[in-house]
Amino acid sequence: LVSRVAHQMSLHYGDSLEKQMKWQQFSLLMQ
């Protein structure tokens, strides 16, 4: 669940590549 939420956050920050990548990495770590 946390991984999916983190993935959605990465999509939310689509205008900021740095924030997008941080959330994307957190999603990968959780899964």
PDB file of all heavy atoms in Angstrom:
ATOM      1  N   LEU A   1       0.831  -1.202   0.000  1.00  0.00           N
ATOM      2  CA  LEU A   1       0.000   0.000   0.000  1.00  0.00           C
ATOM      3  C   LEU A   1       0.866   1.252   0.000  1.00  0.00           C
ATOM      4  O   LEU A   1       0.618   2.196  -0.761  1.00  0.00           O
ATOM      5  CB  LEU A   1      -0.923  -0.004   1.214  1.00  0.00           C
ATOM      6  CG  LEU A   1      -1.766   1.270   1.428  1.00  0.00           C
ATOM      7  CD1 LEU A   1      -2.694   1.497   0.239  1.00  0.00           C
ATOM      8  CD2 LEU A   1      -2.563   1.164   2.729  1.00  0.00           C
ATOM      9  N   VAL A   2       1.890   1.259   0.841  1.00  0.00           N
ATOM     10  CA  VAL A   2       2.786   2.421   0.911  1.00  0.00           C
ATOM     11  C   VAL A   2       3.495   2.621  -0.431  1.00  0.00           C
ATOM     12  O   VAL A   2       3.676   3.752  -0.898  1.00  0.00           O
ATOM     13  CB  VAL A   2       3.809   2.240   2.052  1.00  0.00           C
ATOM     14  CG1 VAL A   2       4.813   3.390   2.048  1.00  0.00           C
ATOM     15  CG2 VAL A   2       3.096   2.160   3.404  1.00  0.00           C
ATOM     16  N   SER A   3       3.879   1.513  -1.065  1.00  0.00           N
ATOM     17  CA  SER A   3       4.530   1.600  -2.365  1.00  0.00           C
ATOM     18  C   SER A   3       3.609   2.239  -3.398  1.00  0.00           C
ATOM     19  O   SER A   3       4.036   3.096  -4.191  1.00  0.00           O
ATOM     20  CB  SER A   3       4.960   0.206  -2.835  1.00  0.00           C
ATOM     21  OG  SER A   3       5.518   0.262  -4.125  1.00  0.00           O
ATOM     22  N   ARG A   4       2.335   1.857  -3.395  1.00  0.00           N
ATOM     23  CA  ARG A   4       1.387   2.428  -4.358  1.00  0.00           C
ATOM     24  C   ARG A   4       1.166   3.914  -4.096  1.00  0.00           C
ATOM     25  O   ARG A   4       1.075   4.720  -5.035  1.00  0.00           O
ATOM     26  CB  ARG A   4       0.065   1.668  -4.301  1.00  0.00           C
ATOM     27  CG  ARG A   4       0.129   0.248  -4.891  1.00  0.00           C
ATOM     28  CD  ARG A   4      -1.259  -0.323  -5.130  1.00  0.00           C
ATOM     29  NE  ARG A   4      -1.988  -0.526  -3.878  1.00  0.00           N
ATOM     30  CZ  ARG A   4      -1.931  -1.645  -3.161  1.00  0.00           C
ATOM     31  NH1 ARG A   4      -1.167  -2.659  -3.565  1.00  0.00           N
ATOM     32  NH2 ARG A   4      -2.637  -1.770  -2.049  1.00  0.00           N
ATOM     33  N   VAL A   5       1.087   4.276  -2.818  1.00  0.00           N
ATOM     34  CA  VAL A   5       0.917   5.694  -2.470  1.00  0.00           C
ATOM     35  C   VAL A   5       2.129   6.503  -2.941  1.00  0.00           C
ATOM     36  O   VAL A   5       1.988   7.596  -3.513  1.00  0.00           O
ATOM     37  CB  VAL A   5       0.709   5.855  -0.954  1.00  0.00           C
ATOM     38  CG1 VAL A   5       0.749   7.346  -0.570  1.00  0.00           C
ATOM     39  CG2 VAL A   5      -0.609   5.229  -0.522  1.00  0.00           C
ATOM     40  N   ALA A   6       3.323   5.940  -2.717  1.00  0.00           N
ATOM     41  CA  ALA A   6       4.542   6.629  -3.152  1.00  0.00           C
ATOM     42  C   ALA A   6       4.572   6.782  -4.671  1.00  0.00           C
ATOM     43  O   ALA A   6       4.999   7.818  -5.201  1.00  0.00           O
ATOM     44  CB  ALA A   6       5.770   5.859  -2.672  1.00  0.00           C
ATOM     45  N   HIS A   7       4.103   5.748  -5.373  1.00  0.00           N
ATOM     46  CA  HIS A   7       4.058   5.841  -6.842  1.00  0.00           C
ATOM     47  C   HIS A   7       3.100   6.950  -7.278  1.00  0.00           C
ATOM     48  O   HIS A   7       3.415   7.720  -8.216  1.00  0.00           O
ATOM     49  CB  HIS A   7       3.614   4.496  -7.421  1.00  0.00           C
ATOM     50  CG  HIS A   7       3.461   4.521  -8.914  1.00  0.00           C
ATOM     51  ND1 HIS A   7       4.533   4.645  -9.766  1.00  0.00           N
ATOM     52  CD2 HIS A   7       2.343   4.448  -9.704  1.00  0.00           C
ATOM     53  CE1 HIS A   7       4.105   4.646 -11.015  1.00  0.00           C
ATOM     54  NE2 HIS A   7       2.775   4.539 -11.003  1.00  0.00           N
ATOM     55  N   GLN A   8       1.945   7.050  -6.627  1.00  0.00           N
ATOM     56  CA  GLN A   8       1.003   8.110  -6.957  1.00  0.00           C
ATOM     57  C   GLN A   8       1.590   9.486  -6.667  1.00  0.00           C
ATOM     58  O   GLN A   8       1.371  10.446  -7.418  1.00  0.00           O
ATOM     59  CB  GLN A   8      -0.306   7.919  -6.180  1.00  0.00           C
ATOM     60  CG  GLN A   8      -1.116   6.723  -6.636  1.00  0.00           C
ATOM     61  CD  GLN A   8      -1.519   6.821  -8.097  1.00  0.00           C
ATOM     62  OE1 GLN A   8      -1.950   7.866  -8.571  1.00  0.00           O
ATOM     63  NE2 GLN A   8      -1.371   5.710  -8.818  1.00  0.00           N
ATOM     64  N   MET A   9       2.357   9.599  -5.596  1.00  0.00           N
ATOM     65  CA  MET A   9       3.017  10.865  -5.277  1.00  0.00           C
ATOM     66  C   MET A   9       4.022  11.240  -6.362  1.00  0.00           C
ATOM     67  O   MET A   9       4.176  12.416  -6.703  1.00  0.00           O
ATOM     68  CB  MET A   9       3.712  10.761  -3.924  1.00  0.00           C
ATOM     69  CG  MET A   9       2.762  10.645  -2.734  1.00  0.00           C
ATOM     70  SD  MET A   9       1.708  12.114  -2.542  1.00  0.00           S
ATOM     71  CE  MET A   9       2.925  13.337  -2.049  1.00  0.00           C
ATOM     72  N   SER A  10       4.705  10.222  -6.918  1.00  0.00           N
ATOM     73  CA  SER A  10       5.662  10.520  -7.985  1.00  0.00           C
ATOM     74  C   SER A  10       4.951  11.087  -9.209  1.00  0.00           C
ATOM     75  O   SER A  10       5.478  11.965  -9.899  1.00  0.00           O
ATOM     76  CB  SER A  10       6.448   9.261  -8.368  1.00  0.00           C
ATOM     77  OG  SER A  10       5.660   8.335  -9.085  1.00  0.00           O
ATOM     78  N   LEU A  11       3.756  10.604  -9.486  1.00  0.00           N
ATOM     79  CA  LEU A  11       2.976  11.135 -10.601  1.00  0.00           C
ATOM     80  C   LEU A  11       2.481  12.543 -10.303  1.00  0.00           C
ATOM     81  O   LEU A  11       2.414  13.401 -11.200  1.00  0.00           O
ATOM     82  CB  LEU A  11       1.797  10.217 -10.901  1.00  0.00           C
ATOM     83  CG  LEU A  11       2.141   8.778 -11.311  1.00  0.00           C
ATOM     84  CD1 LEU A  11       0.870   7.968 -11.514  1.00  0.00           C
ATOM     85  CD2 LEU A  11       3.004   8.759 -12.565  1.00  0.00           C
ATOM     86  N   HIS A  12       2.139  12.789  -9.032  1.00  0.00           N
ATOM     87  CA  HIS A  12       1.648  14.105  -8.615  1.00  0.00           C
ATOM     88  C   HIS A  12       2.711  15.176  -8.832  1.00  0.00           C
ATOM     89  O   HIS A  12       2.396  16.329  -9.182  1.00  0.00           O
ATOM     90  CB  HIS A  12       1.233  14.064  -7.142  1.00  0.00           C
ATOM     91  CG  HIS A  12       0.837  15.389  -6.583  1.00  0.00           C
ATOM     92  ND1 HIS A  12      -0.346  16.025  -6.907  1.00  0.00           N
ATOM     93  CD2 HIS A  12       1.491  16.226  -5.719  1.00  0.00           C
ATOM     94  CE1 HIS A  12      -0.417  17.182  -6.268  1.00  0.00           C
ATOM     95  NE2 HIS A  12       0.687  17.330  -5.545  1.00  0.00           N
ATOM     96  N   TYR A  13       4.001  14.792  -8.616  1.00  0.00           N
ATOM     97  CA  TYR A  13       5.092  15.755  -8.759  1.00  0.00           C
ATOM     98  C   TYR A  13       5.720  15.684 -10.155  1.00  0.00           C
ATOM     99  O   TYR A  13       6.926  15.849 -10.316  1.00  0.00           O
ATOM    100  CB  TYR A  13       6.166  15.496  -7.700  1.00  0.00           C
ATOM    101  CG  TYR A  13       5.775  15.971  -6.322  1.00  0.00           C
ATOM    102  CD1 TYR A  13       5.464  15.056  -5.321  1.00  0.00           C
ATOM    103  CD2 TYR A  13       5.710  17.332  -6.026  1.00  0.00           C
ATOM    104  CE1 TYR A  13       5.112  15.487  -4.049  1.00  0.00           C
ATOM    105  CE2 TYR A  13       5.352  17.771  -4.761  1.00  0.00           C
ATOM    106  CZ  TYR A  13       5.054  16.847  -3.775  1.00  0.00           C
ATOM    107  OH  TYR A  13       4.699  17.279  -2.525  1.00  0.00           O
ATOM    108  N   GLY A  14       4.905  15.416 -11.157  1.00  0.00           N
ATOM    109  CA  GLY A  14       5.413  15.287 -12.514  1.00  0.00           C
ATOM    110  C   GLY A  14       6.118  16.514 -13.038  1.00  0.00           C
ATOM    111  O   GLY A  14       6.938  16.435 -13.948  1.00  0.00           O
ATOM    112  N   ASP A  15       5.817  17.696 -12.455  1.00  0.00           N
ATOM    113  CA  ASP A  15       6.472  18.916 -12.914  1.00  0.00           C
ATOM    114  C   ASP A  15       7.822  19.131 -12.252  1.00  0.00           C
ATOM    115  O   ASP A  15       8.571  20.028 -12.646  1.00  0.00           O
ATOM    116  CB  ASP A  15       5.568  20.123 -12.650  1.00  0.00           C
ATOM    117  CG  ASP A  15       5.218  20.273 -11.165  1.00  0.00           C
ATOM    118  OD1 ASP A  15       5.304  19.250 -10.448  1.00  0.00           O
ATOM    119  OD2 ASP A  15       4.870  21.388 -10.744  1.00  0.00           O
ATOM    120  N   SER A  16       8.144  18.342 -11.229  1.00  0.00           N
ATOM    121  CA  SER A  16       9.432  18.445 -10.552  1.00  0.00           C
ATOM    122  C   SER A  16      10.138  17.089 -10.660  1.00  0.00           C
ATOM    123  O   SER A  16       9.794  16.135  -9.970  1.00  0.00           O
ATOM    124  CB  SER A  16       9.257  18.820  -9.078  1.00  0.00           C
ATOM    125  OG  SER A  16      10.489  18.711  -8.391  1.00  0.00           O
ATOM    126  N   LEU A  17      11.133  17.015 -11.550  1.00  0.00           N
ATOM    127  CA  LEU A  17      11.805  15.737 -11.783  1.00  0.00           C
ATOM    128  C   LEU A  17      12.488  15.226 -10.520  1.00  0.00           C
ATOM    129  O   LEU A  17      12.477  14.024 -10.238  1.00  0.00           O
ATOM    130  CB  LEU A  17      12.826  15.905 -12.907  1.00  0.00           C
ATOM    131  CG  LEU A  17      13.469  14.616 -13.425  1.00  0.00           C
ATOM    132  CD1 LEU A  17      12.424  13.663 -13.968  1.00  0.00           C
ATOM    133  CD2 LEU A  17      14.498  14.943 -14.507  1.00  0.00           C
ATOM    134  N   GLU A  18      13.063  16.136  -9.727  1.00  0.00           N
ATOM    135  CA  GLU A  18      13.777  15.721  -8.526  1.00  0.00           C
ATOM    136  C   GLU A  18      12.826  15.068  -7.526  1.00  0.00           C
ATOM    137  O   GLU A  18      13.094  13.968  -7.010  1.00  0.00           O
ATOM    138  CB  GLU A  18      14.470  16.927  -7.891  1.00  0.00           C
ATOM    139  CG  GLU A  18      15.437  16.551  -6.774  1.00  0.00           C
ATOM    140  CD  GLU A  18      16.296  17.725  -6.358  1.00  0.00           C
ATOM    141  OE1 GLU A  18      15.942  18.884  -6.671  1.00  0.00           O
ATOM    142  OE2 GLU A  18      17.329  17.488  -5.716  1.00  0.00           O
ATOM    143  N   LYS A  19      11.681  15.683  -7.250  1.00  0.00           N
ATOM    144  CA  LYS A  19      10.711  15.104  -6.318  1.00  0.00           C
ATOM    145  C   LYS A  19      10.107  13.825  -6.890  1.00  0.00           C
ATOM    146  O   LYS A  19       9.873  12.852  -6.167  1.00  0.00           O
ATOM    147  CB  LYS A  19       9.614  16.119  -6.004  1.00  0.00           C
ATOM    148  CG  LYS A  19      10.094  17.298  -5.167  1.00  0.00           C
ATOM    149  CD  LYS A  19       8.952  18.265  -4.884  1.00  0.00           C
ATOM    150  CE  LYS A  19       9.426  19.439  -4.041  1.00  0.00           C
ATOM    151  NZ  LYS A  19       8.321  20.412  -3.762  1.00  0.00           N
ATOM    152  N   GLN A  20       9.864  13.839  -8.177  1.00  0.00           N
ATOM    153  CA  GLN A  20       9.297  12.655  -8.824  1.00  0.00           C
ATOM    154  C   GLN A  20      10.207  11.447  -8.638  1.00  0.00           C
ATOM    155  O   GLN A  20       9.750  10.349  -8.301  1.00  0.00           O
ATOM    156  CB  GLN A  20       9.098  12.932 -10.319  1.00  0.00           C
ATOM    157  CG  GLN A  20       8.427  11.786 -11.069  1.00  0.00           C
ATOM    158  CD  GLN A  20       8.273  12.113 -12.545  1.00  0.00           C
ATOM    159  OE1 GLN A  20       8.916  13.010 -13.076  1.00  0.00           O
ATOM    160  NE2 GLN A  20       7.425  11.370 -13.225  1.00  0.00           N
ATOM    161  N   MET A  21      11.502  11.632  -8.852  1.00  0.00           N
ATOM    162  CA  MET A  21      12.447  10.516  -8.742  1.00  0.00           C
ATOM    163  C   MET A  21      12.585  10.035  -7.299  1.00  0.00           C
ATOM    164  O   MET A  21      12.749   8.835  -7.047  1.00  0.00           O
ATOM    165  CB  MET A  21      13.805  10.940  -9.287  1.00  0.00           C
ATOM    166  CG  MET A  21      13.851  11.116 -10.794  1.00  0.00           C
ATOM    167  SD  MET A  21      13.459   9.601 -11.725  1.00  0.00           S
ATOM    168  CE  MET A  21      11.791   9.980 -12.275  1.00  0.00           C
ATOM    169  N   LYS A  22      12.522  10.947  -6.330  1.00  0.00           N
ATOM    170  CA  LYS A  22      12.633  10.543  -4.921  1.00  0.00           C
ATOM    171  C   LYS A  22      11.450   9.656  -4.513  1.00  0.00           C
ATOM    172  O   LYS A  22      11.630   8.633  -3.842  1.00  0.00           O
ATOM    173  CB  LYS A  22      12.713  11.784  -4.033  1.00  0.00           C
ATOM    174  CG  LYS A  22      14.055  12.500  -4.094  1.00  0.00           C
ATOM    175  CD  LYS A  22      14.087  13.725  -3.189  1.00  0.00           C
ATOM    176  CE  LYS A  22      15.447  14.402  -3.223  1.00  0.00           C
ATOM    177  NZ  LYS A  22      15.475  15.605  -2.360  1.00  0.00           N
ATOM    178  N   TRP A  23      10.240  10.063  -4.915  1.00  0.00           N
ATOM    179  CA  TRP A  23       9.071   9.243  -4.596  1.00  0.00           C
ATOM    180  C   TRP A  23       9.109   7.913  -5.355  1.00  0.00           C
ATOM    181  O   TRP A  23       8.710   6.874  -4.832  1.00  0.00           O
ATOM    182  CB  TRP A  23       7.782  10.005  -4.922  1.00  0.00           C
ATOM    183  CG  TRP A  23       7.420  11.009  -3.866  1.00  0.00           C
ATOM    184  CD1 TRP A  23       7.500  12.363  -3.960  1.00  0.00           C
ATOM    185  CD2 TRP A  23       6.931  10.723  -2.555  1.00  0.00           C
ATOM    186  NE1 TRP A  23       7.093  12.963  -2.798  1.00  0.00           N
ATOM    187  CE2 TRP A  23       6.720  11.961  -1.907  1.00  0.00           C
ATOM    188  CE3 TRP A  23       6.625   9.554  -1.864  1.00  0.00           C
ATOM    189  CZ2 TRP A  23       6.243  12.066  -0.611  1.00  0.00           C
ATOM    190  CZ3 TRP A  23       6.141   9.656  -0.563  1.00  0.00           C
ATOM    191  CH2 TRP A  23       5.954  10.889   0.052  1.00  0.00           C
ATOM    192  N   GLN A  24       9.599   7.965  -6.579  1.00  0.00           N
ATOM    193  CA  GLN A  24       9.690   6.742  -7.368  1.00  0.00           C
ATOM    194  C   GLN A  24      10.661   5.759  -6.714  1.00  0.00           C
ATOM    195  O   GLN A  24      10.385   4.560  -6.624  1.00  0.00           O
ATOM    196  CB  GLN A  24      10.155   7.085  -8.795  1.00  0.00           C
ATOM    197  CG  GLN A  24      10.099   5.913  -9.757  1.00  0.00           C
ATOM    198  CD  GLN A  24      10.541   6.330 -11.144  1.00  0.00           C
ATOM    199  OE1 GLN A  24      11.685   6.142 -11.520  1.00  0.00           O
ATOM    200  NE2 GLN A  24       9.621   6.902 -11.909  1.00  0.00           N
ATOM    201  N   GLN A  25      11.791   6.264  -6.226  1.00  0.00           N
ATOM    202  CA  GLN A  25      12.754   5.379  -5.571  1.00  0.00           C
ATOM    203  C   GLN A  25      12.158   4.803  -4.286  1.00  0.00           C
ATOM    204  O   GLN A  25      12.345   3.605  -3.989  1.00  0.00           O
ATOM    205  CB  GLN A  25      14.055   6.125  -5.254  1.00  0.00           C
ATOM    206  CG  GLN A  25      15.022   5.308  -4.393  1.00  0.00           C
ATOM    207  CD  GLN A  25      16.465   5.498  -4.782  1.00  0.00           C
ATOM    208  OE1 GLN A  25      16.786   5.761  -5.931  1.00  0.00           O
ATOM    209  NE2 GLN A  25      17.362   5.340  -3.815  1.00  0.00           N
ATOM    210  N   PHE A  26      11.461   5.617  -3.526  1.00  0.00           N
ATOM    211  CA  PHE A  26      10.855   5.119  -2.298  1.00  0.00           C
ATOM    212  C   PHE A  26       9.834   4.022  -2.610  1.00  0.00           C
ATOM    213  O   PHE A  26       9.748   3.010  -1.902  1.00  0.00           O
ATOM    214  CB  PHE A  26      10.178   6.271  -1.538  1.00  0.00           C
ATOM    215  CG  PHE A  26       9.597   5.875  -0.215  1.00  0.00           C
ATOM    216  CD1 PHE A  26      10.353   5.205   0.730  1.00  0.00           C
ATOM    217  CD2 PHE A  26       8.267   6.155   0.092  1.00  0.00           C
ATOM    218  CE1 PHE A  26       9.810   4.822   1.952  1.00  0.00           C
ATOM    219  CE2 PHE A  26       7.715   5.782   1.305  1.00  0.00           C
ATOM    220  CZ  PHE A  26       8.490   5.115   2.239  1.00  0.00           C
ATOM    221  N   SER A  27       9.085   4.196  -3.676  1.00  0.00           N
ATOM    222  CA  SER A  27       8.124   3.170  -4.087  1.00  0.00           C
ATOM    223  C   SER A  27       8.830   1.861  -4.414  1.00  0.00           C
ATOM    224  O   SER A  27       8.387   0.770  -4.014  1.00  0.00           O
ATOM    225  CB  SER A  27       7.331   3.653  -5.304  1.00  0.00           C
ATOM    226  OG  SER A  27       6.479   2.631  -5.794  1.00  0.00           O
ATOM    227  N   LEU A  28       9.959   1.943  -5.134  1.00  0.00           N
ATOM    228  CA  LEU A  28      10.719   0.739  -5.483  1.00  0.00           C
ATOM    229  C   LEU A  28      11.268   0.046  -4.244  1.00  0.00           C
ATOM    230  O   LEU A  28      11.274  -1.193  -4.150  1.00  0.00           O
ATOM    231  CB  LEU A  28      11.862   1.104  -6.438  1.00  0.00           C
ATOM    232  CG  LEU A  28      11.460   1.566  -7.838  1.00  0.00           C
ATOM    233  CD1 LEU A  28      12.673   2.103  -8.591  1.00  0.00           C
ATOM    234  CD2 LEU A  28      10.817   0.426  -8.618  1.00  0.00           C
ATOM    235  N   LEU A  29      11.749   0.822  -3.273  1.00  0.00           N
ATOM    236  CA  LEU A  29      12.301   0.235  -2.050  1.00  0.00           C
ATOM    237  C   LEU A  29      11.223  -0.500  -1.258  1.00  0.00           C
ATOM    238  O   LEU A  29      11.466  -1.579  -0.713  1.00  0.00           O
ATOM    239  CB  LEU A  29      12.936   1.324  -1.181  1.00  0.00           C
ATOM    240  CG  LEU A  29      14.152   2.049  -1.781  1.00  0.00           C
ATOM    241  CD1 LEU A  29      14.667   3.103  -0.808  1.00  0.00           C
ATOM    242  CD2 LEU A  29      15.259   1.078  -2.142  1.00  0.00           C
ATOM    243  N   MET A  30      10.043   0.066  -1.212  1.00  0.00           N
ATOM    244  CA  MET A  30       8.971  -0.550  -0.433  1.00  0.00           C
ATOM    245  C   MET A  30       8.448  -1.838  -1.078  1.00  0.00           C
ATOM    246  O   MET A  30       7.903  -2.698  -0.389  1.00  0.00           O
ATOM    247  CB  MET A  30       7.813   0.439  -0.260  1.00  0.00           C
ATOM    248  CG  MET A  30       8.138   1.633   0.617  1.00  0.00           C
ATOM    249  SD  MET A  30       8.676   1.182   2.290  1.00  0.00           S
ATOM    250  CE  MET A  30       7.226   0.314   2.894  1.00  0.00           C
ATOM    251  N   GLN A  31       8.605  -1.989  -2.386  1.00  0.00           N
ATOM    252  CA  GLN A  31       8.092  -3.191  -3.036  1.00  0.00           C
ATOM    253  C   GLN A  31       9.172  -4.236  -3.292  1.00  0.00           C
ATOM    254  O   GLN A  31       8.878  -5.301  -3.836  1.00  0.00           O
ATOM    255  CB  GLN A  31       7.427  -2.825  -4.362  1.00  0.00           C
ATOM    256  CG  GLN A  31       8.372  -2.247  -5.407  1.00  0.00           C
ATOM    257  CD  GLN A  31       7.666  -1.857  -6.678  1.00  0.00           C
ATOM    258  OE1 GLN A  31       7.541  -2.672  -7.594  1.00  0.00           O
ATOM    259  NE2 GLN A  31       7.173  -0.619  -6.744  1.00  0.00           N
TER     260      GLN A  31
END
